[in-house]
N, C-alpha and C. Protein backbone atom coordinates (compact mmCIF):
# COMPACT_ATOMS: atom_id res chain seq x y z
N MET A 1 0.33 -1.06 0.30
CA MET A 1 -0.32 -0.40 -0.18
C MET A 1 0.93 1.04 -0.24
N ARG A 2 1.83 1.39 0.90
CA ARG A 2 2.69 2.86 1.23
C ARG A 2 3.80 2.64 -0.12
N GLY A 3 3.70 1.73 -0.98
CA GLY A 3 4.71 1.94 -2.23
C GLY A 3 4.00 2.57 -3.17
N LYS A 4 3.06 1.32 -3.35
CA LYS A 4 1.77 1.75 -4.71
C LYS A 4 1.63 2.84 -4.37
N LEU A 5 1.38 3.91 -3.17
CA LEU A 5 0.69 5.48 -3.16
C LEU A 5 1.83 6.17 -3.48
N VAL A 6 3.35 5.81 -2.81
CA VAL A 6 4.16 7.23 -3.19
C VAL A 6 4.74 6.75 -4.44
N SER A 7 4.47 5.66 -5.12
CA SER A 7 4.56 5.59 -6.49
C SER A 7 3.51 6.47 -7.22
N LEU A 8 2.31 6.07 -7.19
CA LEU A 8 1.13 7.06 -7.68
C LEU A 8 1.46 8.65 -7.84
N LEU A 9 1.99 9.13 -6.33
CA LEU A 9 2.20 10.62 -5.85
C LEU A 9 3.47 10.76 -6.92
N ARG A 10 4.28 10.06 -7.28
CA ARG A 10 5.79 10.25 -7.70
C ARG A 10 5.32 10.57 -9.30
N GLN A 11 4.42 9.91 -9.56
CA GLN A 11 4.01 9.44 -11.12
C GLN A 11 3.38 11.22 -11.59
N ALA A 12 2.32 11.54 -10.44
CA ALA A 12 1.81 12.75 -10.13
C ALA A 12 2.17 13.80 -10.31
N TRP A 13 3.28 14.18 -9.88
CA TRP A 13 4.43 15.25 -9.53
C TRP A 13 4.72 15.62 -11.12
N GLN A 14 5.74 13.81 -11.76
CA GLN A 14 6.41 13.97 -12.97
C GLN A 14 5.44 14.67 -14.28
N HIS A 15 3.95 14.25 -14.20
CA HIS A 15 3.52 14.55 -15.11
C HIS A 15 2.30 15.87 -14.87
N GLY A 16 2.93 16.66 -13.86
CA GLY A 16 2.56 17.90 -13.69
C GLY A 16 1.43 18.30 -12.81
N GLU A 17 0.71 17.15 -12.07
CA GLU A 17 -0.52 17.28 -11.40
C GLU A 17 -0.49 17.54 -9.51
N LEU A 18 0.79 18.27 -9.62
CA LEU A 18 0.58 18.82 -8.22
C LEU A 18 2.04 20.04 -8.77
N PRO A 19 1.05 20.81 -8.97
CA PRO A 19 1.49 21.96 -9.84
C PRO A 19 2.16 22.71 -8.49
N ARG A 20 1.55 22.96 -6.85
CA ARG A 20 1.99 23.45 -6.24
C ARG A 20 3.52 22.88 -5.51
N LEU A 21 4.07 22.13 -6.08
CA LEU A 21 5.47 21.20 -5.49
C LEU A 21 6.38 21.83 -7.15
N ALA A 22 6.96 22.22 -6.87
CA ALA A 22 7.83 22.76 -7.38
C ALA A 22 9.51 22.24 -7.75
N ASP A 23 9.81 22.09 -6.21
CA ASP A 23 11.22 21.48 -6.53
C ASP A 23 11.51 20.29 -6.42
N GLY A 24 12.22 19.46 -8.02
CA GLY A 24 12.10 18.09 -8.05
C GLY A 24 12.49 17.67 -6.66
N ALA A 25 13.99 17.65 -6.55
CA ALA A 25 14.38 16.58 -5.10
C ALA A 25 13.92 17.48 -3.30
N ALA A 26 13.66 18.11 -3.15
CA ALA A 26 12.76 17.84 -1.99
C ALA A 26 10.98 17.16 -2.03
N VAL A 27 10.53 17.17 -3.69
CA VAL A 27 9.57 15.94 -3.58
C VAL A 27 10.06 14.45 -3.26
N ASP A 28 11.49 14.51 -3.93
CA ASP A 28 11.90 13.14 -4.24
C ASP A 28 12.24 12.39 -2.40
N ALA A 29 13.28 13.65 -1.94
CA ALA A 29 13.62 13.54 -0.27
C ALA A 29 12.51 13.18 0.48
N THR A 30 11.07 13.86 0.02
CA THR A 30 10.08 13.36 1.07
C THR A 30 8.78 12.18 0.74
N LEU A 31 8.81 12.19 -0.34
CA LEU A 31 8.61 10.25 -0.69
C LEU A 31 9.51 9.57 -0.62
N ASP A 32 11.09 9.64 -0.05
CA ASP A 32 11.72 8.83 0.13
C ASP A 32 11.86 8.38 1.73
N SER A 33 11.48 9.81 2.73
CA SER A 33 11.72 9.61 3.87
C SER A 33 9.83 9.09 4.55
N VAL A 34 8.68 9.34 3.54
CA VAL A 34 8.03 8.57 3.79
C VAL A 34 7.94 6.93 3.48
N MET A 35 8.63 6.56 2.64
CA MET A 35 8.79 5.11 2.25
C MET A 35 9.87 4.37 3.18
N ALA A 36 10.42 5.40 4.26
CA ALA A 36 11.84 4.97 4.72
C ALA A 36 10.91 4.00 6.47
N LYS A 37 9.46 5.74 7.05
CA LYS A 37 8.97 4.76 8.15
C LYS A 37 7.96 3.69 8.08
N ASP A 38 7.65 3.26 9.02
CA ASP A 38 6.60 1.66 9.10
C ASP A 38 5.59 2.62 9.31
N TRP A 39 4.33 1.66 7.54
CA TRP A 39 2.76 2.05 8.51
C TRP A 39 2.22 1.12 9.08
N VAL A 40 1.59 1.12 9.91
CA VAL A 40 1.59 0.33 10.76
C VAL A 40 -1.04 0.76 10.16
N VAL A 41 -1.29 -0.05 10.31
CA VAL A 41 -2.50 0.15 10.34
C VAL A 41 -3.86 -0.55 11.16
N TYR A 42 -4.09 0.18 11.48
CA TYR A 42 -4.91 -1.02 12.72
C TYR A 42 -6.75 -0.97 11.90
N THR A 43 -6.99 -2.17 11.61
CA THR A 43 -8.51 -2.01 11.24
C THR A 43 -8.88 -3.09 12.26
N LYS A 44 -10.54 -2.92 12.67
CA LYS A 44 -11.18 -3.99 12.80
C LYS A 44 -11.74 -4.61 12.66
N PRO A 45 -12.35 -5.74 12.53
CA PRO A 45 -12.74 -6.31 11.73
C PRO A 45 -14.14 -6.29 11.65
N TRP A 46 -14.74 -6.25 9.88
CA TRP A 46 -15.84 -5.99 8.85
C TRP A 46 -16.83 -6.09 9.82
N LEU A 47 -18.04 -5.67 9.85
CA LEU A 47 -19.55 -6.12 10.42
C LEU A 47 -20.29 -6.92 9.42
N GLN A 48 -20.72 -7.79 10.14
CA GLN A 48 -21.24 -8.74 9.26
C GLN A 48 -23.04 -8.03 9.09
N ARG A 49 -23.78 -7.73 9.80
CA ARG A 49 -24.96 -7.15 9.84
C ARG A 49 -25.70 -6.17 9.99
N ALA A 50 -26.83 -5.52 8.72
CA ALA A 50 -26.62 -4.04 9.04
C ALA A 50 -27.58 -3.91 10.11
N GLN A 51 -27.59 -4.72 11.37
CA GLN A 51 -27.99 -4.48 13.04
C GLN A 51 -26.91 -3.96 13.05
N THR A 52 -26.30 -4.76 13.19
CA THR A 52 -24.93 -4.68 13.76
C THR A 52 -24.05 -2.92 13.74
N VAL A 53 -23.77 -2.49 12.36
CA VAL A 53 -23.30 -1.22 11.82
C VAL A 53 -24.42 -0.24 12.20
N LEU A 54 -25.38 -0.66 11.64
CA LEU A 54 -26.44 0.31 12.80
C LEU A 54 -26.30 0.76 14.89
N GLU A 55 -26.45 -0.05 15.23
CA GLU A 55 -26.02 0.65 16.32
C GLU A 55 -24.47 0.87 16.09
N TYR A 56 -23.31 0.02 15.69
CA TYR A 56 -22.25 0.81 15.45
C TYR A 56 -22.38 2.71 15.72
N LEU A 57 -22.72 3.06 14.19
CA LEU A 57 -22.72 3.86 14.16
C LEU A 57 -24.07 5.28 15.13
N ALA A 58 -25.06 4.27 15.91
CA ALA A 58 -25.83 5.25 16.49
C ALA A 58 -25.25 5.27 17.69
N ARG A 59 -24.24 4.31 17.70
CA ARG A 59 -23.53 5.59 19.37
C ARG A 59 -22.62 6.49 19.47
N TYR A 60 -22.06 6.93 17.82
CA TYR A 60 -21.02 7.80 17.45
C TYR A 60 -22.24 8.86 16.68
N SER A 61 -23.92 9.09 16.45
CA SER A 61 -23.87 9.69 15.33
C SER A 61 -25.57 10.31 16.76
N PHE A 62 -25.55 9.83 17.43
CA PHE A 62 -27.19 10.38 18.20
C PHE A 62 -26.22 10.88 19.45
N ARG A 63 -25.21 9.84 20.55
CA ARG A 63 -25.11 10.38 21.88
C ARG A 63 -24.88 11.48 21.92
N THR A 64 -25.31 11.60 22.91
CA THR A 64 -24.83 12.93 23.67
C THR A 64 -23.89 12.95 24.74
N ALA A 65 -23.27 14.22 25.05
CA ALA A 65 -22.70 13.97 26.14
C ALA A 65 -22.94 13.32 27.12
N LEU A 66 -23.48 13.15 27.86
CA LEU A 66 -24.67 13.15 29.04
C LEU A 66 -26.02 12.57 28.69
N SER A 67 -25.92 11.17 29.28
CA SER A 67 -27.33 10.12 29.29
C SER A 67 -27.79 10.79 30.32
N ASP A 68 -29.48 10.33 30.60
CA ASP A 68 -30.19 10.89 31.49
C ASP A 68 -29.76 9.67 32.96
N ALA A 69 -29.33 8.44 32.47
CA ALA A 69 -29.52 7.65 33.44
C ALA A 69 -27.53 8.19 33.89
N ARG A 70 -26.76 8.97 33.92
CA ARG A 70 -26.38 9.36 34.59
C ARG A 70 -26.48 9.93 35.79
N LEU A 71 -27.28 11.04 35.58
CA LEU A 71 -27.96 12.02 36.19
C LEU A 71 -28.49 11.53 37.63
N ALA A 72 -27.92 11.34 39.33
CA ALA A 72 -27.88 10.28 40.00
C ALA A 72 -29.19 11.38 41.08
N GLY A 73 -29.51 12.65 40.90
CA GLY A 73 -30.44 13.10 41.59
C GLY A 73 -30.28 14.72 41.38
N ILE A 74 -31.15 15.45 41.67
CA ILE A 74 -31.25 17.23 41.48
C ILE A 74 -31.82 17.20 43.40
N GLU A 75 -30.73 18.66 43.82
CA GLU A 75 -31.06 19.08 45.27
C GLU A 75 -30.76 20.25 45.29
N GLY A 76 -31.89 21.13 45.24
CA GLY A 76 -31.61 22.64 44.89
C GLY A 76 -30.70 22.99 43.61
N ASP A 77 -29.69 23.85 43.63
CA ASP A 77 -28.80 24.13 42.71
C ASP A 77 -28.23 22.94 41.90
N ASN A 78 -27.51 22.01 43.06
CA ASN A 78 -26.90 20.77 43.01
C ASN A 78 -27.27 19.43 41.88
N VAL A 79 -26.76 18.56 41.31
CA VAL A 79 -26.95 18.04 40.83
C VAL A 79 -26.13 16.73 41.02
N GLY A 80 -25.91 15.77 40.57
CA GLY A 80 -25.34 14.65 40.47
C GLY A 80 -24.91 13.80 39.82
N LEU A 81 -23.71 13.96 39.72
CA LEU A 81 -23.34 12.99 38.13
C LEU A 81 -22.51 11.59 38.73
N ARG A 82 -23.31 10.60 38.02
CA ARG A 82 -22.72 8.88 38.29
C ARG A 82 -21.49 9.55 37.15
N TYR A 83 -20.17 8.84 37.69
CA TYR A 83 -19.20 8.28 36.65
C TYR A 83 -18.43 7.16 37.19
N LYS A 84 -17.47 6.70 36.26
CA LYS A 84 -17.22 5.13 36.47
C LYS A 84 -15.89 6.58 36.82
N ASP A 85 -15.54 5.39 37.81
CA ASP A 85 -13.99 5.60 37.94
C ASP A 85 -13.15 4.89 38.53
N TYR A 86 -11.72 5.04 37.00
CA TYR A 86 -11.01 3.85 36.39
C TYR A 86 -9.82 3.44 37.75
N ALA A 87 -9.82 4.39 38.50
CA ALA A 87 -8.44 4.12 39.01
C ALA A 87 -8.89 3.49 40.36
N ASP A 88 -9.93 3.81 40.77
CA ASP A 88 -10.40 2.95 41.84
C ASP A 88 -11.63 1.44 41.32
N ASP A 89 -10.14 0.72 40.58
CA ASP A 89 -11.39 -0.98 40.31
C ASP A 89 -12.39 -0.12 39.52
N ASN A 90 -12.94 0.90 38.17
CA ASN A 90 -13.72 0.59 37.43
C ASN A 90 -15.09 1.10 38.53
N ARG A 91 -14.99 1.74 39.50
CA ARG A 91 -16.41 1.67 40.54
C ARG A 91 -17.21 3.25 39.92
N TRP A 92 -18.77 2.64 40.18
CA TRP A 92 -19.20 4.39 39.68
C TRP A 92 -19.16 4.58 41.24
N LYS A 93 -19.12 6.29 41.38
CA LYS A 93 -19.09 7.12 42.39
C LYS A 93 -20.26 7.76 41.28
N THR A 94 -20.16 9.02 42.36
CA THR A 94 -21.29 10.34 42.40
C THR A 94 -20.66 11.57 42.71
N LEU A 95 -20.23 12.17 41.89
CA LEU A 95 -20.04 13.41 41.71
C LEU A 95 -20.89 14.73 42.07
N PRO A 96 -20.90 15.44 43.04
CA PRO A 96 -22.15 16.52 43.27
C PRO A 96 -21.58 17.68 42.39
N LEU A 97 -22.36 18.08 41.41
CA LEU A 97 -21.97 19.34 40.86
C LEU A 97 -22.94 20.11 41.21
N GLN A 98 -22.57 21.59 40.75
CA GLN A 98 -23.38 23.16 40.75
C GLN A 98 -24.28 23.09 39.09
N GLY A 99 -25.74 23.36 38.71
CA GLY A 99 -26.42 23.43 37.59
C GLY A 99 -25.31 24.08 36.15
N GLY A 100 -24.75 25.57 36.66
CA GLY A 100 -24.29 26.07 36.47
C GLY A 100 -22.48 25.61 35.43
N GLU A 101 -22.02 24.72 36.23
CA GLU A 101 -21.00 23.51 36.31
C GLU A 101 -21.36 22.56 35.27
N LEU A 102 -21.78 22.34 35.65
CA LEU A 102 -23.08 21.11 34.78
C LEU A 102 -23.17 21.30 33.32
N ILE A 103 -23.58 22.83 33.64
CA ILE A 103 -24.17 22.98 32.02
C ILE A 103 -22.49 23.22 31.32
N ARG A 104 -22.26 24.12 31.84
CA ARG A 104 -20.32 24.46 31.65
C ARG A 104 -19.64 23.10 31.01
N ARG A 105 -20.07 22.03 31.83
CA ARG A 105 -19.15 20.75 31.31
C ARG A 105 -19.72 19.79 29.89
N PHE A 106 -21.40 20.15 29.86
CA PHE A 106 -21.58 19.38 28.85
C PHE A 106 -21.31 20.79 27.80
N LEU A 107 -21.65 21.79 28.02
CA LEU A 107 -21.61 22.94 26.74
C LEU A 107 -19.76 22.65 26.16
N LEU A 108 -18.85 22.09 26.84
CA LEU A 108 -17.87 21.53 26.19
C LEU A 108 -17.35 20.84 24.93
N HIS A 109 -18.93 19.77 24.76
CA HIS A 109 -19.18 18.52 24.25
C HIS A 109 -19.91 18.84 22.64
N VAL A 110 -20.19 20.29 22.81
CA VAL A 110 -21.27 20.77 21.55
C VAL A 110 -19.87 21.47 20.51
N LEU A 111 -20.46 20.61 19.92
CA LEU A 111 -19.47 21.11 18.39
C LEU A 111 -20.01 22.80 17.98
N PRO A 112 -18.32 23.67 17.39
CA PRO A 112 -18.61 25.03 16.93
C PRO A 112 -19.23 25.17 15.35
N LYS A 113 -20.06 25.86 15.47
CA LYS A 113 -20.73 25.95 14.05
C LYS A 113 -19.71 25.87 12.76
N GLY A 114 -20.63 24.74 11.58
CA GLY A 114 -19.81 24.69 10.94
C GLY A 114 -19.15 22.70 10.47
N LEU A 115 -18.87 22.42 12.04
CA LEU A 115 -17.79 21.35 11.89
C LEU A 115 -18.93 20.09 12.36
N MET A 116 -19.06 18.87 12.06
CA MET A 116 -19.91 18.10 12.12
C MET A 116 -19.30 16.75 12.47
N ARG A 117 -19.91 15.85 13.30
CA ARG A 117 -19.25 15.15 13.92
C ARG A 117 -19.38 13.73 13.38
N ILE A 118 -20.48 13.03 12.20
CA ILE A 118 -20.15 12.47 11.00
C ILE A 118 -19.74 12.76 10.03
N ARG A 119 -18.81 12.64 9.10
CA ARG A 119 -18.24 13.33 7.64
C ARG A 119 -18.68 12.15 6.99
N HIS A 120 -19.24 11.51 5.78
CA HIS A 120 -19.46 10.97 5.17
C HIS A 120 -18.80 10.69 4.05
N TYR A 121 -17.74 10.02 3.46
CA TYR A 121 -16.89 9.77 2.71
C TYR A 121 -17.05 8.58 1.98
N GLY A 122 -16.26 8.21 0.69
CA GLY A 122 -17.13 6.80 -0.45
C GLY A 122 -18.14 7.59 -0.75
N PHE A 123 -18.58 5.71 -0.88
CA PHE A 123 -19.89 6.81 -2.26
C PHE A 123 -21.04 7.53 -1.22
N LEU A 124 -20.33 8.07 -0.08
CA LEU A 124 -21.60 8.67 0.38
C LEU A 124 -21.35 10.38 0.61
N ALA A 125 -19.78 10.38 -0.14
CA ALA A 125 -19.29 11.80 0.54
C ALA A 125 -20.26 12.61 -0.56
N ASN A 126 -20.16 13.99 0.02
CA ASN A 126 -21.37 14.98 -0.62
C ASN A 126 -21.24 15.44 -2.31
N ARG A 127 -19.81 15.60 -2.62
CA ARG A 127 -19.76 15.66 -3.94
C ARG A 127 -19.50 14.79 -5.17
N CYS A 128 -19.84 13.28 -5.02
CA CYS A 128 -20.00 12.33 -5.42
C CYS A 128 -21.43 11.64 -5.37
N ARG A 129 -22.12 11.58 -4.58
CA ARG A 129 -23.22 11.00 -4.08
C ARG A 129 -24.01 11.03 -4.28
N SER A 130 -24.56 11.32 -5.77
CA SER A 130 -26.11 10.80 -6.43
C SER A 130 -24.71 10.18 -7.66
N ALA A 131 -23.18 10.75 -8.60
CA ALA A 131 -22.92 9.12 -9.20
C ALA A 131 -22.42 7.99 -9.10
N LYS A 132 -22.36 8.39 -7.67
CA LYS A 132 -22.00 6.68 -6.96
C LYS A 132 -23.11 5.86 -6.25
N LEU A 133 -24.22 6.58 -6.22
CA LEU A 133 -25.22 5.74 -5.48
C LEU A 133 -25.92 5.44 -6.89
N ALA A 134 -25.69 6.02 -8.29
CA ALA A 134 -26.60 5.52 -9.17
C ALA A 134 -26.15 4.05 -10.05
N LYS A 135 -24.75 4.25 -9.44
CA LYS A 135 -24.08 3.04 -9.50
C LYS A 135 -24.36 2.11 -8.64
N VAL A 136 -24.35 2.00 -7.30
CA VAL A 136 -24.23 1.19 -6.64
C VAL A 136 -25.63 0.63 -6.47
N ARG A 137 -26.58 1.34 -7.23
CA ARG A 137 -28.11 0.94 -7.30
C ARG A 137 -28.19 -0.10 -8.41
N ALA A 138 -27.45 0.49 -9.73
CA ALA A 138 -27.44 -0.04 -10.53
C ALA A 138 -26.28 -1.24 -10.78
N ALA A 139 -25.41 -1.22 -9.60
CA ALA A 139 -24.99 -2.82 -9.92
C ALA A 139 -25.43 -4.06 -9.29
N LEU A 140 -26.78 -3.16 -7.92
CA LEU A 140 -27.01 -3.89 -7.39
C LEU A 140 -28.18 -4.18 -7.87
N ARG A 141 -29.04 -3.86 -8.76
CA ARG A 141 -30.05 -4.16 -9.68
C ARG A 141 -31.63 -3.25 -8.61
N SER A 142 -30.79 -1.46 -7.93
CA SER A 142 -32.04 -1.88 -7.31
C SER A 142 -33.09 -0.77 -7.82
N PRO A 143 -33.85 -0.58 -7.82
CA PRO A 143 -34.82 1.15 -8.35
C PRO A 143 -34.52 2.04 -7.54
N ALA A 144 -33.80 3.21 -8.07
CA ALA A 144 -34.11 4.66 -7.57
C ALA A 144 -34.94 5.00 -6.40
N PRO A 145 -35.11 5.14 -5.18
CA PRO A 145 -36.60 5.58 -4.55
C PRO A 145 -36.82 6.99 -5.34
N PRO A 146 -37.86 7.03 -5.11
CA PRO A 146 -38.94 7.32 -5.65
C PRO A 146 -38.52 9.63 -5.36
N LYS A 147 -39.00 10.85 -5.88
CA LYS A 147 -38.46 11.88 -5.77
C LYS A 147 -39.61 12.16 -4.98
N ARG A 148 -39.15 12.95 -3.64
CA ARG A 148 -40.65 13.82 -3.18
C ARG A 148 -40.30 14.85 -3.31
N ALA A 149 -41.48 15.86 -3.25
CA ALA A 149 -41.75 17.52 -3.41
C ALA A 149 -40.56 17.60 -2.98
N ALA A 150 -40.68 18.78 -3.00
CA ALA A 150 -40.05 20.15 -2.54
C ALA A 150 -41.01 20.35 -1.44
N GLU A 151 -40.69 20.49 -0.56
CA GLU A 151 -41.65 20.52 1.22
C GLU A 151 -40.82 22.64 1.40
N GLY A 152 -41.82 23.11 1.64
CA GLY A 152 -41.94 25.01 2.13
C GLY A 152 -41.54 24.22 3.52
N ASP A 153 -41.13 26.38 4.20
CA ASP A 153 -40.80 25.98 5.25
C ASP A 153 -41.59 25.83 6.30
N ASN A 154 -42.84 26.26 6.21
CA ASN A 154 -44.36 25.87 6.78
C ASN A 154 -44.99 24.91 6.78
N ALA A 155 -44.40 24.57 5.79
CA ALA A 155 -45.96 23.54 4.84
C ALA A 155 -45.24 21.85 5.18
N ARG A 156 -45.49 21.16 6.65
CA ARG A 156 -44.51 19.96 6.33
C ARG A 156 -45.27 18.93 6.37
N LEU A 157 -45.55 17.90 4.81
CA LEU A 157 -46.40 17.43 4.78
C LEU A 157 -45.91 15.86 4.71
N ARG A 158 -45.63 15.18 5.54
CA ARG A 158 -44.74 14.52 4.99
C ARG A 158 -45.66 12.65 5.03
N ASP A 159 -44.92 12.06 3.33
CA ASP A 159 -45.53 10.98 3.57
C ASP A 159 -45.73 9.80 4.11
N ASP A 160 -44.33 10.05 5.43
CA ASP A 160 -44.16 8.91 6.99
C ASP A 160 -44.64 9.11 7.91
N TRP A 161 -45.94 10.00 7.84
CA TRP A 161 -46.64 10.67 8.92
C TRP A 161 -48.15 10.00 8.71
N PRO A 162 -48.08 8.83 8.93
CA PRO A 162 -49.49 8.61 8.74
C PRO A 162 -50.65 8.77 9.98
N CYS A 163 -51.75 8.54 9.20
CA CYS A 163 -52.74 8.76 10.93
C CYS A 163 -52.62 7.72 11.84
N PRO A 164 -52.53 7.88 12.66
CA PRO A 164 -52.31 6.47 13.50
C PRO A 164 -54.13 5.37 13.69
N GLN A 165 -55.06 6.45 13.75
CA GLN A 165 -56.23 5.28 13.75
C GLN A 165 -56.48 4.77 11.77
N CYS A 166 -56.72 5.83 10.68
CA CYS A 166 -57.22 5.58 10.28
C CYS A 166 -56.16 4.63 9.05
N HIS A 167 -54.63 5.29 9.23
CA HIS A 167 -54.08 4.41 8.50
C HIS A 167 -53.92 5.18 6.83
N ARG A 168 -54.71 6.34 6.40
CA ARG A 168 -55.09 6.85 5.16
C ARG A 168 -54.75 7.86 5.30
N GLY A 169 -55.31 8.71 6.08
CA GLY A 169 -54.55 9.90 6.31
C GLY A 169 -53.34 10.26 6.40
N GLN A 170 -53.36 11.76 6.42
CA GLN A 170 -51.74 12.13 6.39
C GLN A 170 -51.78 12.83 8.23
N LEU A 171 -50.49 13.37 8.79
CA LEU A 171 -50.60 13.82 10.04
C LEU A 171 -50.35 15.32 9.57
N ARG A 172 -50.21 16.63 9.40
CA ARG A 172 -49.79 17.13 9.06
C ARG A 172 -49.18 18.25 10.82
N PRO A 173 -48.83 18.96 11.33
CA PRO A 173 -48.92 20.18 12.35
C PRO A 173 -49.44 20.96 12.12
N ILE A 174 -50.09 21.61 12.75
CA ILE A 174 -51.12 22.37 12.44
C ILE A 174 -50.49 23.49 13.35
N MET A 175 -49.60 23.06 14.79
CA MET A 175 -49.45 24.06 16.12
C MET A 175 -48.01 23.90 16.56
N THR A 176 -47.12 24.63 17.32
CA THR A 176 -46.75 23.86 17.42
C THR A 176 -46.24 24.88 19.00
N LEU A 177 -45.93 23.44 20.04
CA LEU A 177 -45.97 24.22 21.68
C LEU A 177 -45.46 23.87 21.93
N ALA A 178 -44.62 24.66 22.97
CA ALA A 178 -43.31 24.97 23.89
C ALA A 178 -43.16 24.16 24.79
N PRO A 179 -42.37 23.53 25.07
CA PRO A 179 -42.42 22.83 26.32
C PRO A 179 -42.68 23.44 27.81
N ARG A 180 -42.97 23.06 28.84
CA ARG A 180 -43.12 23.41 30.25
C ARG A 180 -42.54 22.75 30.59
N TRP A 181 -42.02 23.11 31.90
CA TRP A 181 -41.12 23.12 32.79
C TRP A 181 -42.05 23.01 33.92
N ALA A 182 -41.34 22.07 34.77
CA ALA A 182 -42.04 22.04 36.37
C ALA A 182 -41.90 22.81 37.38
N GLY A 183 -40.66 24.24 36.95
CA GLY A 183 -41.18 25.81 37.74
C GLY A 183 -41.88 25.81 37.11
N SER A 184 -42.48 26.31 35.90
CA SER A 184 -43.07 26.81 35.33
C SER A 184 -45.09 27.41 34.63
N GLY A 185 -45.06 26.46 36.46
CA GLY A 185 -46.07 27.01 36.42
C GLY A 185 -47.07 25.86 36.02
C-alpha cells in the first residue's frame, strides 16, 4: 500500500498534476522519508449484519455527552452526576456539581458551528453521492427511491406520517407547543 501510494504520487508530480510542488529534489526527499517509515494500519473486523452496523453508528451519531441514566439526582442547585472511576477498580461514584458547572461541562462537547460529528466518505461523500449511488443501485439492480416534492419552510406534509387511527390520511402539524418546565407553573 505504501509503495503504491508513493509511486502514484511520484507519477502525478512527474506529469505536472501537483502544481504547488516545484522542487523535484524536495519531492523526492519527502517521498523517500515517507517510504523509510513503517506504516502500521489498525483495522477492526468488518461488521457482517446491517443491524450491527446501525448500532455501531448510532453510538457515535446520536449519543450526547450526558445520558439521563448518569444523572443521580437534583437537590436545590446541585446535580449528582454518576461516573466510573477507572483508578478505583472501575467503581461507579457520584460527583456533586452545581447546575452552572454541569452546563459548562456539557457545552464543552458541543461542536462549533460548521463542524460535523460524522463526515460521509466513499460513495456517500457529498461531492459524488448522486453519481456513486446511481452506480451502486445499478450494480445491485435496485431502483432509485421516488423523489419527494420539495417542502416549504412552513408546510411539513410528510408521506411517512400516516394517521395512527385510519392509516389512510396524513398527519399535518398545525401548531408548535413550547415545553412546560416543572417550575414554570
